[in-house]
C-alpha atoms as a PDB file:
ATOM      1  CA  MET A   1      12.099   5.543 -15.294  1.00  0.00           C
ATOM      2  CA  LYS A   2       9.789   7.823 -17.243  1.00  0.00           C
ATOM      3  CA  ASN A   3       6.048   7.393 -17.618  1.00  0.00           C
ATOM      4  CA  VAL A   4       5.678   5.434 -14.985  1.00  0.00           C
ATOM      5  CA  PHE A   5       2.084   4.773 -13.865  1.00  0.00           C
ATOM      6  CA  LEU A   6       0.426   5.233 -10.710  1.00  0.00           C
ATOM      7  CA  GLY A   7      -3.281   4.296 -10.042  1.00  0.00           C
ATOM      8  CA  ILE A   8      -4.283   7.757  -9.056  1.00  0.00           C
ATOM      9  CA  ARG A   9      -7.153  10.304  -9.551  1.00  0.00           C
ATOM     10  CA  ALA A  10      -7.129  13.484  -7.936  1.00  0.00           C
ATOM     11  CA  ARG A  11     -10.269  14.974  -5.696  1.00  0.00           C
ATOM     12  CA  LYS A  12      -9.845  16.923  -2.497  1.00  0.00           C
ATOM     13  CA  LEU A  13      -6.132  16.368  -1.085  1.00  0.00           C
ATOM     14  CA  LEU A  14      -4.807  18.285   1.955  1.00  0.00           C
ATOM     15  CA  ILE A  15      -1.183  19.125   1.208  1.00  0.00           C
ATOM     16  CA  ALA A  16       1.435  21.656   1.791  1.00  0.00           C
ATOM     17  CA  GLY A  17       1.886  23.070  -2.158  1.00  0.00           C
ATOM     18  CA  VAL A  18       1.580  21.996  -5.441  1.00  0.00           C
ATOM     19  CA  PHE A  19       4.246  19.588  -7.111  1.00  0.00           C
ATOM     20  CA  SER A  20       6.492  20.719  -9.502  1.00  0.00           C
ATOM     21  CA  ALA A  21       5.988  19.967 -13.632  1.00  0.00           C
ATOM     22  CA  LEU A  22       8.143  16.997 -13.212  1.00  0.00           C
ATOM     23  CA  ILE A  23       6.856  15.592 -10.408  1.00  0.00           C
ATOM     24  CA  VAL A  24       3.024  15.071 -11.402  1.00  0.00           C
ATOM     25  CA  LEU A  25       1.330  12.693  -8.896  1.00  0.00           C
ATOM     26  CA  PHE A  26      -2.119  14.066  -9.286  1.00  0.00           C
ATOM     27  CA  ALA A  27      -4.917  15.712 -11.734  1.00  0.00           C
ATOM     28  CA  GLY A  28      -7.065  18.208 -11.347  1.00  0.00           C
ATOM     29  CA  ALA A  29      -7.866  21.716 -10.135  1.00  0.00           C
ATOM     30  CA  PHE A  30      -5.493  23.218  -7.413  1.00  0.00           C
ATOM     31  CA  ASN A  31      -7.705  25.591  -4.945  1.00  0.00           C
ATOM     32  CA  LYS A  32      -5.955  27.428  -2.116  1.00  0.00           C
ATOM     33  CA  GLY A  33      -7.572  25.956   1.599  1.00  0.00           C
ATOM     34  CA  SER A  34      -7.680  26.743   5.688  1.00  0.00           C
ATOM     35  CA  PHE A  35      -6.485  23.120   6.414  1.00  0.00           C
ATOM     36  CA  ALA A  36      -3.720  24.177   8.986  1.00  0.00           C
ATOM     37  CA  GLY A  37      -2.638  27.262   6.914  1.00  0.00           C
ATOM     38  CA  ASP A  38      -1.653  24.766   4.106  1.00  0.00           C
ATOM     39  CA  LEU A  39      -3.064  24.482   0.554  1.00  0.00           C
ATOM     40  CA  PHE A  40      -4.993  21.639  -0.488  1.00  0.00           C
ATOM     41  CA  PHE A  41      -5.702  20.085  -3.428  1.00  0.00           C
ATOM     42  CA  ASP A  42      -7.839  16.804  -4.676  1.00  0.00           C
ATOM     43  CA  VAL A  43      -8.136  13.351  -3.221  1.00  0.00           C
ATOM     44  CA  PRO A  44      -9.374  10.732  -5.710  1.00  0.00           C
ATOM     45  CA  LYS A  45     -13.203  10.510  -5.563  1.00  0.00           C
ATOM     46  CA  GLY A  46     -14.265   7.989  -3.051  1.00  0.00           C
ATOM     47  CA  LEU A  47     -11.572   8.304  -0.583  1.00  0.00           C
ATOM     48  CA  ASP A  48     -11.631   9.546   3.361  1.00  0.00           C
ATOM     49  CA  LEU A  49     -10.566  13.347   3.352  1.00  0.00           C
ATOM     50  CA  ASP A  50      -8.594  12.552   6.499  1.00  0.00           C
ATOM     51  CA  LEU A  51      -4.980  11.103   5.690  1.00  0.00           C
ATOM     52  CA  LYS A  52      -4.194  10.631   9.174  1.00  0.00           C
ATOM     53  CA  ILE A  53      -1.491  13.035   8.646  1.00  0.00           C
ATOM     54  CA  PRO A  54       0.622  13.193  12.115  1.00  0.00           C
ATOM     55  CA  LYS A  55       1.154  16.581  13.656  1.00  0.00           C
ATOM     56  CA  ASP A  56       4.685  16.353  13.690  1.00  0.00           C
ATOM     57  CA  ASN A  57       5.306  15.224  10.521  1.00  0.00           C
ATOM     58  CA  PRO A  58       2.708  17.898   7.910  1.00  0.00           C
ATOM     59  CA  ILE A  59       2.670  17.093   4.203  1.00  0.00           C
ATOM     60  CA  THR A  60       4.963  19.839   2.326  1.00  0.00           C
ATOM     61  CA  LYS A  61       6.020  20.129  -1.285  1.00  0.00           C
ATOM     62  CA  GLU A  62       9.528  20.017  -0.656  1.00  0.00           C
ATOM     63  CA  LYS A  63       9.325  17.165   1.702  1.00  0.00           C
ATOM     64  CA  VAL A  64       7.263  15.105  -0.625  1.00  0.00           C
ATOM     65  CA  GLU A  65       9.889  15.402  -3.174  1.00  0.00           C
ATOM     66  CA  LEU A  66      12.846  14.873  -0.879  1.00  0.00           C
ATOM     67  CA  GLY A  67      10.325  11.537  -0.110  1.00  0.00           C
ATOM     68  CA  LYS A  68      10.331  10.454  -3.484  1.00  0.00           C
ATOM     69  CA  MET A  69      14.134  10.783  -4.049  1.00  0.00           C
ATOM     70  CA  LEU A  70      15.081   8.783  -1.302  1.00  0.00           C
ATOM     71  CA  TYR A  71      12.109   6.018  -2.036  1.00  0.00           C
ATOM     72  CA  PHE A  72      13.429   5.375  -5.346  1.00  0.00           C
ATOM     73  CA  ASP A  73      17.464   5.924  -4.380  1.00  0.00           C
ATOM     74  CA  THR A  74      19.161   2.324  -4.114  1.00  0.00           C
ATOM     75  CA  ARG A  75      22.018   3.862  -2.136  1.00  0.00           C
ATOM     76  CA  LEU A  76      19.885   3.446   1.024  1.00  0.00           C
ATOM     77  CA  SER A  77      20.785  -0.449   0.887  1.00  0.00           C
ATOM     78  CA  ALA A  78      23.983  -1.598   2.214  1.00  0.00           C
ATOM     79  CA  ASP A  79      25.050  -2.322  -1.430  1.00  0.00           C
ATOM     80  CA  GLU A  80      23.534   0.327  -3.136  1.00  0.00           C
ATOM     81  CA  THR A  81      21.458  -2.115  -5.472  1.00  0.00           C
ATOM     82  CA  VAL A  82      17.753  -2.117  -3.334  1.00  0.00           C
ATOM     83  CA  SER A  83      15.262   0.918  -3.114  1.00  0.00           C
ATOM     84  CA  CYS A  84      11.859   1.456  -1.771  1.00  0.00           C
ATOM     85  CA  ALA A  85      10.603   0.938  -5.161  1.00  0.00           C
ATOM     86  CA  THR A  86      12.580  -2.356  -5.878  1.00  0.00           C
ATOM     87  CA  CYS A  87       9.599  -4.091  -3.513  1.00  0.00           C
ATOM     88  CA  HIS A  88       6.974  -1.366  -3.861  1.00  0.00           C
ATOM     89  CA  HIS A  89       7.255   0.171  -7.567  1.00  0.00           C
ATOM     90  CA  PRO A  90       4.496   2.079  -9.418  1.00  0.00           C
ATOM     91  CA  MET A  91       4.677  -0.371 -12.604  1.00  0.00           C
ATOM     92  CA  THR A  92       3.604  -3.546 -10.443  1.00  0.00           C
ATOM     93  CA  GLY A  93       0.732  -1.597  -8.210  1.00  0.00           C
ATOM     94  CA  PHE A  94       3.455  -0.538  -5.934  1.00  0.00           C
ATOM     95  CA  GLY A  95       3.999  -4.142  -4.776  1.00  0.00           C
ATOM     96  CA  ASP A  96       6.654  -6.136  -6.779  1.00  0.00           C
ATOM     97  CA  GLY A  97       4.584  -8.466  -8.518  1.00  0.00           C
ATOM     98  CA  GLN A  98       6.337 -11.471  -7.159  1.00  0.00           C
ATOM     99  CA  PRO A  99       5.104 -14.036  -4.712  1.00  0.00           C
ATOM    100  CA  VAL A 100       7.765 -13.192  -2.272  1.00  0.00           C
ATOM    101  CA  SER A 101      10.238  -9.893  -2.395  1.00  0.00           C
ATOM    102  CA  THR A 102      14.186 -10.352  -3.078  1.00  0.00           C
ATOM    103  CA  GLY A 103      16.437  -8.024  -1.420  1.00  0.00           C
ATOM    104  CA  ILE A 104      20.562  -7.343  -1.567  1.00  0.00           C
ATOM    105  CA  LYS A 105      22.430 -10.211  -3.141  1.00  0.00           C
ATOM    106  CA  GLY A 106      19.588 -11.859  -4.392  1.00  0.00           C
ATOM    107  CA  GLN A 107      17.831 -12.946  -0.816  1.00  0.00           C
ATOM    108  CA  LYS A 108      14.632 -14.200  -0.755  1.00  0.00           C
ATOM    109  CA  GLY A 109      11.858 -12.987   2.070  1.00  0.00           C
ATOM    110  CA  GLY A 110       8.973 -15.183   3.295  1.00  0.00           C
ATOM    111  CA  ARG A 111       6.318 -12.605   2.489  1.00  0.00           C
ATOM    112  CA  SER A 112       4.915 -10.791  -0.477  1.00  0.00           C
ATOM    113  CA  ALA A 113       5.462  -7.255  -0.723  1.00  0.00           C
ATOM    114  CA  PRO A 114       2.281  -4.877   0.232  1.00  0.00           C
ATOM    115  CA  THR A 115       1.140  -2.266  -1.721  1.00  0.00           C
ATOM    116  CA  VAL A 116       1.946   1.129  -0.507  1.00  0.00           C
ATOM    117  CA  ILE A 117      -1.440   2.312  -2.265  1.00  0.00           C
ATOM    118  CA  ASN A 118      -3.774   4.263   0.265  1.00  0.00           C
ATOM    119  CA  SER A 119      -1.372   2.603   3.034  1.00  0.00           C
ATOM    120  CA  THR A 120      -1.751   6.220   4.829  1.00  0.00           C
ATOM    121  CA  TYR A 121      -5.108   4.949   6.178  1.00  0.00           C
ATOM    122  CA  ASN A 122      -4.043   2.218   7.574  1.00  0.00           C
ATOM    123  CA  ASP A 123      -3.915   1.400  11.325  1.00  0.00           C
ATOM    124  CA  THR A 124      -0.737  -0.611  11.085  1.00  0.00           C
ATOM    125  CA  GLN A 125       2.148  -1.187   8.611  1.00  0.00           C
ATOM    126  CA  PHE A 126       3.272  -4.553   7.228  1.00  0.00           C
ATOM    127  CA  TRP A 127       1.428  -7.742   6.953  1.00  0.00           C
ATOM    128  CA  ASP A 128       1.824  -8.387  11.010  1.00  0.00           C
ATOM    129  CA  GLY A 129       1.144  -4.777  11.908  1.00  0.00           C
ATOM    130  CA  ARG A 130       4.141  -4.553  13.774  1.00  0.00           C
ATOM    131  CA  ALA A 131       4.636  -0.693  12.671  1.00  0.00           C
ATOM    132  CA  ALA A 132       2.552   1.537  13.865  1.00  0.00           C
ATOM    133  CA  SER A 133       2.984   4.645  11.767  1.00  0.00           C
ATOM    134  CA  LEU A 134       4.473   4.759   8.003  1.00  0.00           C
ATOM    135  CA  GLU A 135       7.161   6.649   9.484  1.00  0.00           C
ATOM    136  CA  GLU A 136       8.255   3.668  11.776  1.00  0.00           C
ATOM    137  CA  GLN A 137       7.581   1.368   8.529  1.00  0.00           C
ATOM    138  CA  ALA A 138      10.062   3.125   6.281  1.00  0.00           C
ATOM    139  CA  LEU A 139      12.988   2.726   8.583  1.00  0.00           C
ATOM    140  CA  GLY A 140      12.002  -1.129   8.741  1.00  0.00           C
ATOM    141  CA  PRO A 141      13.590  -2.311   5.326  1.00  0.00           C
ATOM    142  CA  ILE A 142      16.976  -0.260   5.744  1.00  0.00           C
ATOM    143  CA  GLN A 143      17.715  -2.350   8.727  1.00  0.00           C
ATOM    144  CA  ASN A 144      16.553  -6.000   7.862  1.00  0.00           C
ATOM    145  CA  PRO A 145      18.887  -7.968   6.927  1.00  0.00           C
ATOM    146  CA  ILE A 146      17.274  -9.979   3.940  1.00  0.00           C
ATOM    147  CA  GLU A 147      15.866  -6.699   2.392  1.00  0.00           C
ATOM    148  CA  MET A 148      18.237  -3.552   2.583  1.00  0.00           C
ATOM    149  CA  GLY A 149      21.051  -5.257   4.912  1.00  0.00           C
ATOM    150  CA  PHE A 150      21.902  -1.702   6.055  1.00  0.00           C
ATOM    151  CA  THR A 151      22.345   0.278   9.428  1.00  0.00           C
ATOM    152  CA  LEU A 152      20.453   3.900  10.165  1.00  0.00           C
ATOM    153  CA  GLU A 153      24.085   4.981  11.435  1.00  0.00           C
ATOM    154  CA  GLY A 154      25.440   3.813   7.879  1.00  0.00           C
ATOM    155  CA  VAL A 155      22.639   5.011   5.594  1.00  0.00           C
ATOM    156  CA  VAL A 156      22.924   8.772   7.413  1.00  0.00           C
ATOM    157  CA  LYS A 157      26.433   8.795   7.099  1.00  0.00           C
ATOM    158  CA  ARG A 158      26.195   7.734   3.560  1.00  0.00           C
ATOM    159  CA  LEU A 159      23.596  10.650   2.764  1.00  0.00           C
ATOM    160  CA  ASN A 160      25.360  12.904   4.981  1.00  0.00           C
ATOM    161  CA  GLY A 161      28.164  12.545   2.292  1.00  0.00           C
ATOM    162  CA  ILE A 162      25.973  13.920  -0.415  1.00  0.00           C
ATOM    163  CA  GLU A 163      25.770  17.369  -0.762  1.00  0.00           C
ATOM    164  CA  GLY A 164      22.692  17.329  -2.492  1.00  0.00           C
ATOM    165  CA  TYR A 165      21.031  15.709   0.304  1.00  0.00           C
ATOM    166  CA  ARG A 166      22.355  17.634   2.576  1.00  0.00           C
ATOM    167  CA  LYS A 167      21.312  20.617   1.348  1.00  0.00           C
ATOM    168  CA  LEU A 168      17.629  19.173   0.998  1.00  0.00           C
ATOM    169  CA  PHE A 169      17.610  18.025   4.407  1.00  0.00           C
ATOM    170  CA  GLN A 170      18.649  21.550   5.641  1.00  0.00           C
ATOM    171  CA  SER A 171      15.654  23.168   3.786  1.00  0.00           C
ATOM    172  CA  VAL A 172      12.891  20.777   4.633  1.00  0.00           C
ATOM    173  CA  PHE A 173      14.381  19.938   8.731  1.00  0.00           C
ATOM    174  CA  LYS A 174      16.761  22.577   9.267  1.00  0.00           C
ATOM    175  CA  THR A 175      19.336  19.852  10.225  1.00  0.00           C
ATOM    176  CA  ASP A 176      21.751  17.502   8.324  1.00  0.00           C
ATOM    177  CA  VAL A 177      20.735  13.821   7.434  1.00  0.00           C
ATOM    178  CA  THR A 178      18.779  11.997  10.225  1.00  0.00           C
ATOM    179  CA  ALA A 179      17.204   8.665  10.483  1.00  0.00           C
ATOM    180  CA  ASP A 180      14.199  10.417  11.889  1.00  0.00           C
ATOM    181  CA  GLY A 181      14.075  13.035   9.003  1.00  0.00           C
ATOM    182  CA  ILE A 182      14.459   9.911   6.448  1.00  0.00           C
ATOM    183  CA  GLY A 183      11.400   8.274   7.921  1.00  0.00           C
ATOM    184  CA  LYS A 184       9.090  11.099   8.150  1.00  0.00           C
ATOM    185  CA  ALA A 185      10.091  11.971   4.273  1.00  0.00           C
ATOM    186  CA  ILE A 186       9.604   8.845   2.999  1.00  0.00           C
ATOM    187  CA  ALA A 187       6.341   8.485   4.932  1.00  0.00           C
ATOM    188  CA  THR A 188       5.221  11.776   3.665  1.00  0.00           C
ATOM    189  CA  PHE A 189       5.825  10.568  -0.208  1.00  0.00           C
ATOM    190  CA  GLU A 190       3.897   7.366   0.800  1.00  0.00           C
ATOM    191  CA  ARG A 191       0.856   9.347   2.109  1.00  0.00           C
ATOM    192  CA  THR A 192       0.525  10.604  -1.195  1.00  0.00           C
ATOM    193  CA  VAL A 193       0.070   7.398  -3.468  1.00  0.00           C
ATOM    194  CA  LEU A 194      -3.988   7.007  -3.346  1.00  0.00           C
ATOM    195  CA  SER A 195      -6.063   5.746  -5.504  1.00  0.00           C
ATOM    196  CA  GLY A 196      -9.697   6.362  -5.644  1.00  0.00           C
ATOM    197  CA  GLY A 197     -12.030   7.116  -8.653  1.00  0.00           C
ATOM    198  CA  SER A 198     -12.678   3.727  -9.844  1.00  0.00           C
ATOM    199  CA  ARG A 199     -15.937   2.788 -11.534  1.00  0.00           C
ATOM    200  CA  TRP A 200     -17.001   1.468  -8.267  1.00  0.00           C
ATOM    201  CA  ASP A 201     -16.911   5.079  -7.054  1.00  0.00           C
ATOM    202  CA  ASP A 202     -18.699   6.291  -9.959  1.00  0.00           C
ATOM    203  CA  TYR A 203     -21.055   3.993  -9.077  1.00  0.00           C
ATOM    204  CA  ASN A 204     -21.713   5.133  -5.749  1.00  0.00           C
ATOM    205  CA  TYR A 205     -21.809   8.881  -6.831  1.00  0.00           C
ATOM    206  CA  GLY A 206     -24.743   7.668  -8.904  1.00  0.00           C
ATOM    207  CA  ASP A 207     -23.684   6.347 -12.154  1.00  0.00           C
ATOM    208  CA  GLU A 208     -25.631   3.468 -12.678  1.00  0.00           C
ATOM    209  CA  LYS A 209     -23.635   2.719 -16.082  1.00  0.00           C
ATOM    210  CA  ALA A 210     -20.567   2.994 -14.386  1.00  0.00           C
ATOM    211  CA  LEU A 211     -20.686  -1.071 -13.326  1.00  0.00           C
ATOM    212  CA  SER A 212     -21.493  -3.816 -16.051  1.00  0.00           C
ATOM    213  CA  ASP A 213     -24.235  -6.041 -14.978  1.00  0.00           C
ATOM    214  CA  SER A 214     -21.885  -8.757 -14.298  1.00  0.00           C
ATOM    215  CA  ALA A 215     -20.033  -6.414 -11.785  1.00  0.00           C
ATOM    216  CA  LYS A 216     -23.360  -5.515 -10.210  1.00  0.00           C
ATOM    217  CA  ARG A 217     -24.048  -8.990  -9.615  1.00  0.00           C
ATOM    218  CA  GLY A 218     -20.517  -9.283  -7.969  1.00  0.00           C
ATOM    219  CA  LEU A 219     -21.285  -6.143  -6.083  1.00  0.00           C
ATOM    220  CA  GLU A 220     -24.690  -7.807  -4.685  1.00  0.00           C
ATOM    221  CA  LEU A 221     -22.818 -10.854  -3.852  1.00  0.00           C
ATOM    222  CA  PHE A 222     -19.567  -9.335  -2.280  1.00  0.00           C
ATOM    223  CA  ASN A 223     -21.877  -7.481   0.370  1.00  0.00           C
ATOM    224  CA  GLY A 224     -24.162 -10.437   0.943  1.00  0.00           C
ATOM    225  CA  LYS A 225     -23.628 -14.430  -0.066  1.00  0.00           C
ATOM    226  CA  ALA A 226     -20.019 -14.436  -0.596  1.00  0.00           C
ATOM    227  CA  LEU A 227     -19.349 -12.657   2.932  1.00  0.00           C
ATOM    228  CA  CYS A 228     -16.464 -10.319   1.303  1.00  0.00           C
ATOM    229  CA  SER A 229     -17.654  -6.952   3.164  1.00  0.00           C
ATOM    230  CA  SER A 230     -17.350  -8.630   6.570  1.00  0.00           C
ATOM    231  CA  CYS A 231     -13.817  -7.853   6.256  1.00  0.00           C
ATOM    232  CA  HIS A 232     -13.266  -5.838   3.267  1.00  0.00           C
ATOM    233  CA  LEU A 233     -15.269  -2.758   4.575  1.00  0.00           C
ATOM    234  CA  GLY A 234     -15.489   0.692   3.980  1.00  0.00           C
ATOM    235  CA  PHE A 235     -14.081   3.334   1.698  1.00  0.00           C
ATOM    236  CA  ASN A 236     -10.805   1.654   1.597  1.00  0.00           C
ATOM    237  CA  MET A 237     -12.160  -2.186   1.525  1.00  0.00           C
ATOM    238  CA  THR A 238     -10.565  -3.111   4.691  1.00  0.00           C
ATOM    239  CA  ASP A 239     -11.205  -3.587   8.154  1.00  0.00           C
ATOM    240  CA  ASN A 240      -7.649  -2.989   9.228  1.00  0.00           C
ATOM    241  CA  GLY A 241      -8.064  -5.826  11.287  1.00  0.00           C
ATOM    242  CA  PHE A 242      -6.053  -9.374  11.571  1.00  0.00           C
ATOM    243  CA  HIS A 243      -7.521 -12.680  10.232  1.00  0.00           C
ATOM    244  CA  ASN A 244      -6.215 -16.096   9.955  1.00  0.00           C
ATOM    245  CA  ILE A 245      -8.057 -17.480   6.771  1.00  0.00           C
ATOM    246  CA  GLY A 246      -5.463 -20.977   6.785  1.00  0.00           C
ATOM    247  CA  VAL A 247      -2.701 -19.643   4.171  1.00  0.00           C
ATOM    248  CA  GLY A 248       0.460 -21.305   4.579  1.00  0.00           C
ATOM    249  CA  MET A 249      -0.876 -23.341   7.982  1.00  0.00           C
ATOM    250  CA  ASN A 250      -0.227 -26.617   6.330  1.00  0.00           C
ATOM    251  CA  ASN A 251       3.368 -25.569   5.715  1.00  0.00           C
ATOM    252  CA  GLU A 252       5.723 -27.488   8.319  1.00  0.00           C
ATOM    253  CA  ASN A 253       7.171 -24.342  10.069  1.00  0.00           C
ATOM    254  CA  PRO A 254       3.998 -21.698   9.094  1.00  0.00           C
ATOM    255  CA  ASP A 255       4.268 -17.961   9.110  1.00  0.00           C
ATOM    256  CA  LEU A 256       2.199 -17.213  12.380  1.00  0.00           C
ATOM    257  CA  GLY A 257       1.849 -13.642  11.307  1.00  0.00           C
ATOM    258  CA  ARG A 258       0.405 -11.297  13.779  1.00  0.00           C
ATOM    259  CA  TYR A 259       0.932 -13.953  16.553  1.00  0.00           C
ATOM    260  CA  ASN A 260       4.714 -12.830  16.287  1.00  0.00           C
ATOM    261  CA  VAL A 261       4.125  -9.540  17.309  1.00  0.00           C
ATOM    262  CA  THR A 262       1.033  -9.902  20.111  1.00  0.00           C
ATOM    263  CA  LYS A 263       2.158 -13.587  21.100  1.00  0.00           C
ATOM    264  CA  ASN A 264      -1.694 -13.960  21.595  1.00  0.00           C
ATOM    265  CA  GLU A 265      -2.716 -17.447  20.949  1.00  0.00           C
ATOM    266  CA  LYS A 266      -5.783 -16.055  18.970  1.00  0.00           C
ATOM    267  CA  ASP A 267      -3.487 -14.248  16.451  1.00  0.00           C
ATOM    268  CA  LYS A 268      -1.497 -17.281  15.433  1.00  0.00           C
ATOM    269  CA  GLY A 269      -1.613 -17.339  11.582  1.00  0.00           C
ATOM    270  CA  ALA A 270      -3.562 -14.188  11.288  1.00  0.00           C
ATOM    271  CA  PHE A 271      -2.517 -11.437   8.837  1.00  0.00           C
ATOM    272  CA  LYS A 272      -3.861  -8.069   7.974  1.00  0.00           C
ATOM    273  CA  THR A 273      -6.996  -7.587   5.651  1.00  0.00           C
ATOM    274  CA  PRO A 274      -5.413  -5.521   2.809  1.00  0.00           C
ATOM    275  CA  THR A 275      -7.091  -2.934   1.027  1.00  0.00           C
ATOM    276  CA  LEU A 276      -8.596  -4.027  -2.319  1.00  0.00           C
ATOM    277  CA  ARG A 277      -8.310  -0.896  -4.172  1.00  0.00           C
ATOM    278  CA  ASP A 278      -6.250  -1.462  -7.292  1.00  0.00           C
ATOM    279  CA  VAL A 279      -6.556  -5.043  -6.522  1.00  0.00           C
ATOM    280  CA  GLU A 280      -5.953  -6.325 -10.313  1.00  0.00           C
ATOM    281  CA  ARG A 281      -2.868  -4.631 -10.334  1.00  0.00           C
ATOM    282  CA  THR A 282      -1.380  -6.147  -7.190  1.00  0.00           C
ATOM    283  CA  ALA A 283      -1.224  -9.788  -7.970  1.00  0.00           C
ATOM    284  CA  PRO A 284       0.016 -12.224  -6.665  1.00  0.00           C
ATOM    285  CA  TYR A 285      -2.025 -12.314  -3.594  1.00  0.00           C
ATOM    286  CA  MET A 286      -1.954 -13.309   0.369  1.00  0.00           C
ATOM    287  CA  HIS A 287       0.869 -12.690   1.911  1.00  0.00           C
ATOM    288  CA  ASP A 288       2.901 -15.434   0.757  1.00  0.00           C
ATOM    289  CA  GLY A 289       1.626 -14.881  -2.818  1.00  0.00           C
ATOM    290  CA  SER A 290       0.357 -18.165  -2.929  1.00  0.00           C
ATOM    291  CA  ALA A 291      -2.707 -16.854  -4.814  1.00  0.00           C
ATOM    292  CA  LYS A 292      -1.777 -15.860  -8.253  1.00  0.00           C
ATOM    293  CA  THR A 293      -4.790 -14.571  -9.524  1.00  0.00           C
ATOM    294  CA  LEU A 294      -8.052 -13.145  -8.630  1.00  0.00           C
ATOM    295  CA  GLU A 295     -10.190 -16.313  -9.701  1.00  0.00           C
ATOM    296  CA  ASP A 296      -7.535 -18.214  -7.128  1.00  0.00           C
ATOM    297  CA  VAL A 297      -8.475 -15.536  -4.377  1.00  0.00           C
ATOM    298  CA  VAL A 298     -12.535 -16.136  -4.794  1.00  0.00           C
ATOM    299  CA  GLU A 299     -11.922 -20.006  -4.735  1.00  0.00           C
ATOM    300  CA  LEU A 300     -10.055 -20.054  -1.743  1.00  0.00           C
ATOM    301  CA  TYR A 301     -12.722 -18.290   0.105  1.00  0.00           C
ATOM    302  CA  ASN A 302     -15.431 -20.018  -1.539  1.00  0.00           C
ATOM    303  CA  LYS A 303     -14.036 -23.413  -0.227  1.00  0.00           C
ATOM    304  CA  GLY A 304     -13.712 -21.733   3.218  1.00  0.00           C
ATOM    305  CA  GLY A 305     -10.285 -20.853   3.567  1.00  0.00           C
ATOM    306  CA  GLU A 306      -7.919 -23.672   4.876  1.00  0.00           C
ATOM    307  CA  ALA A 307      -8.693 -25.917   7.877  1.00  0.00           C
ATOM    308  CA  ASN A 308      -6.694 -25.022  10.810  1.00  0.00           C
ATOM    309  CA  LYS A 309      -7.268 -24.652  14.702  1.00  0.00           C
ATOM    310  CA  TRP A 310      -7.189 -20.687  14.238  1.00  0.00           C
ATOM    311  CA  LEU A 311      -9.374 -20.297  11.255  1.00  0.00           C
ATOM    312  CA  ASP A 312     -11.484 -17.156  11.408  1.00  0.00           C
ATOM    313  CA  PRO A 313     -14.993 -18.401  12.485  1.00  0.00           C
ATOM    314  CA  LYS A 314     -16.200 -16.020   9.614  1.00  0.00           C
ATOM    315  CA  LEU A 315     -15.063 -18.608   6.901  1.00  0.00           C
ATOM    316  CA  LYS A 316     -17.365 -21.206   6.090  1.00  0.00           C
ATOM    317  CA  PRO A 317     -17.943 -22.707   2.605  1.00  0.00           C
ATOM    318  CA  LEU A 318     -19.991 -20.413   0.280  1.00  0.00           C
ATOM    319  CA  ASN A 319     -21.278 -22.726  -2.657  1.00  0.00           C
ATOM    320  CA  LEU A 320     -20.770 -20.117  -5.139  1.00  0.00           C
ATOM    321  CA  THR A 321     -21.505 -20.719  -8.823  1.00  0.00           C
ATOM    322  CA  LYS A 322     -19.566 -20.714 -11.566  1.00  0.00           C
ATOM    323  CA  GLN A 323     -21.172 -17.281 -12.562  1.00  0.00           C
ATOM    324  CA  ASP A 324     -20.872 -16.129  -9.278  1.00  0.00           C
ATOM    325  CA  LYS A 325     -17.158 -16.297  -9.195  1.00  0.00           C
ATOM    326  CA  ALA A 326     -17.012 -14.662 -12.376  1.00  0.00           C
ATOM    327  CA  ASP A 327     -19.244 -11.833 -11.126  1.00  0.00           C
ATOM    328  CA  ILE A 328     -17.142 -11.148  -7.903  1.00  0.00           C
ATOM    329  CA  VAL A 329     -13.995 -10.776 -10.029  1.00  0.00           C
ATOM    330  CA  ALA A 330     -15.692  -8.477 -12.527  1.00  0.00           C
ATOM    331  CA  PHE A 331     -16.695  -6.210  -9.576  1.00  0.00           C
ATOM    332  CA  LEU A 332     -13.221  -6.416  -7.857  1.00  0.00           C
ATOM    333  CA  LYS A 333     -11.302  -5.160 -11.532  1.00  0.00           C
ATOM    334  CA  ASP A 334     -13.786  -2.237 -11.284  1.00  0.00           C
ATOM    335  CA  LEU A 335     -12.013  -0.960  -7.876  1.00  0.00           C
ATOM    336  CA  ASN A 336      -9.310  -0.038 -10.132  1.00  0.00           C
ATOM    337  CA  GLY A 337      -8.268   3.772  -9.921  1.00  0.00           C
ATOM    338  CA  MET A 338      -7.523   5.682 -12.866  1.00  0.00           C
ATOM    339  CA  PRO A 339      -4.033   5.717 -13.578  1.00  0.00           C
ATOM    340  CA  ILE A 340      -1.812   8.859 -14.716  1.00  0.00           C
ATOM    341  CA  ALA A 341       1.791   9.372 -15.781  1.00  0.00           C
ATOM    342  CA  PHE A 342       4.861  10.865 -14.046  1.00  0.00           C
ATOM    343  CA  GLU A 343       8.488  11.222 -14.144  1.00  0.00           C
ATOM    344  CA  ALA A 344      11.039   9.763 -11.909  1.00  0.00           C
ATOM    345  CA  PRO A 345      12.764  11.912  -9.650  1.00  0.00           C
ATOM    346  CA  LYS A 346      16.127  13.090 -10.485  1.00  0.00           C
ATOM    347  CA  LEU A 347      18.403  12.227  -7.300  1.00  0.00           C
ATOM    348  CA  PRO A 348      21.175  14.497  -5.737  1.00  0.00           C
END
């Protein structure tokens, strides 16, 4: 698993230490800072410096390294065949490149795996926002019978039976392996999966040549006629909200998304607005993976979504020309960050 690529370029990241030579997730100079007494190094250009790090789960070098091991370890699943990286792999934009994910015993889930990229900035996690934090999210798939099919008690017992993990948990948390520690370590690693420094960022920082003429027209459409920025806004290109755009609502038993969490009628068929960072690398699109290409996505919005009782009122036919659509896609592709290589961890 060497030479896996991340859409990450470094610029001012607050963190508690530098990675070892074998686990390189960020490039650039490292400088000492005064953030809570920690060291900090660069966060990718264009991203917010506030990584929403919980006070009870500060970032440290050792915790990131432990979280990365757990993230790639299939022993967190009941039959030892599925890891977090199975459905959120660096080579496929920290998703899995499939319409819906596959768990233990070849079971198919009902939703596409959302990217982990920049998930530290999310207000909630999962397509329906049912997890309030990355720590909570990290433990969800372990217990899902279709995904990793295990129990927290089972995974804790298994990992405590591995001397290397016991030593690592003692070093990081001063305890043996616990479910709380597993969630905190994986979440800490995921907070380092950042993408910025795109051509769009360079353009925003004053490089007029960073975007092609087509991409510049696409940006103008994105912020204007195409109405994209009404939901995909800010540095992470998302409002962190939930919207019904009609995807899958014509199915016999549609996935009701956010409604399953809130039970509010207005939330039927609503799903979280995903980041558009590295969007070219995270196909297919939508919660069910039904849009295979960026062109498919643009066409869906061009026709005003799929009609249904709960359709978001922001959606309406856009009457985009063929050139308009091509320009928007050109801009979206310029939201990719600069990939760099790293080596996968050696597991205990």
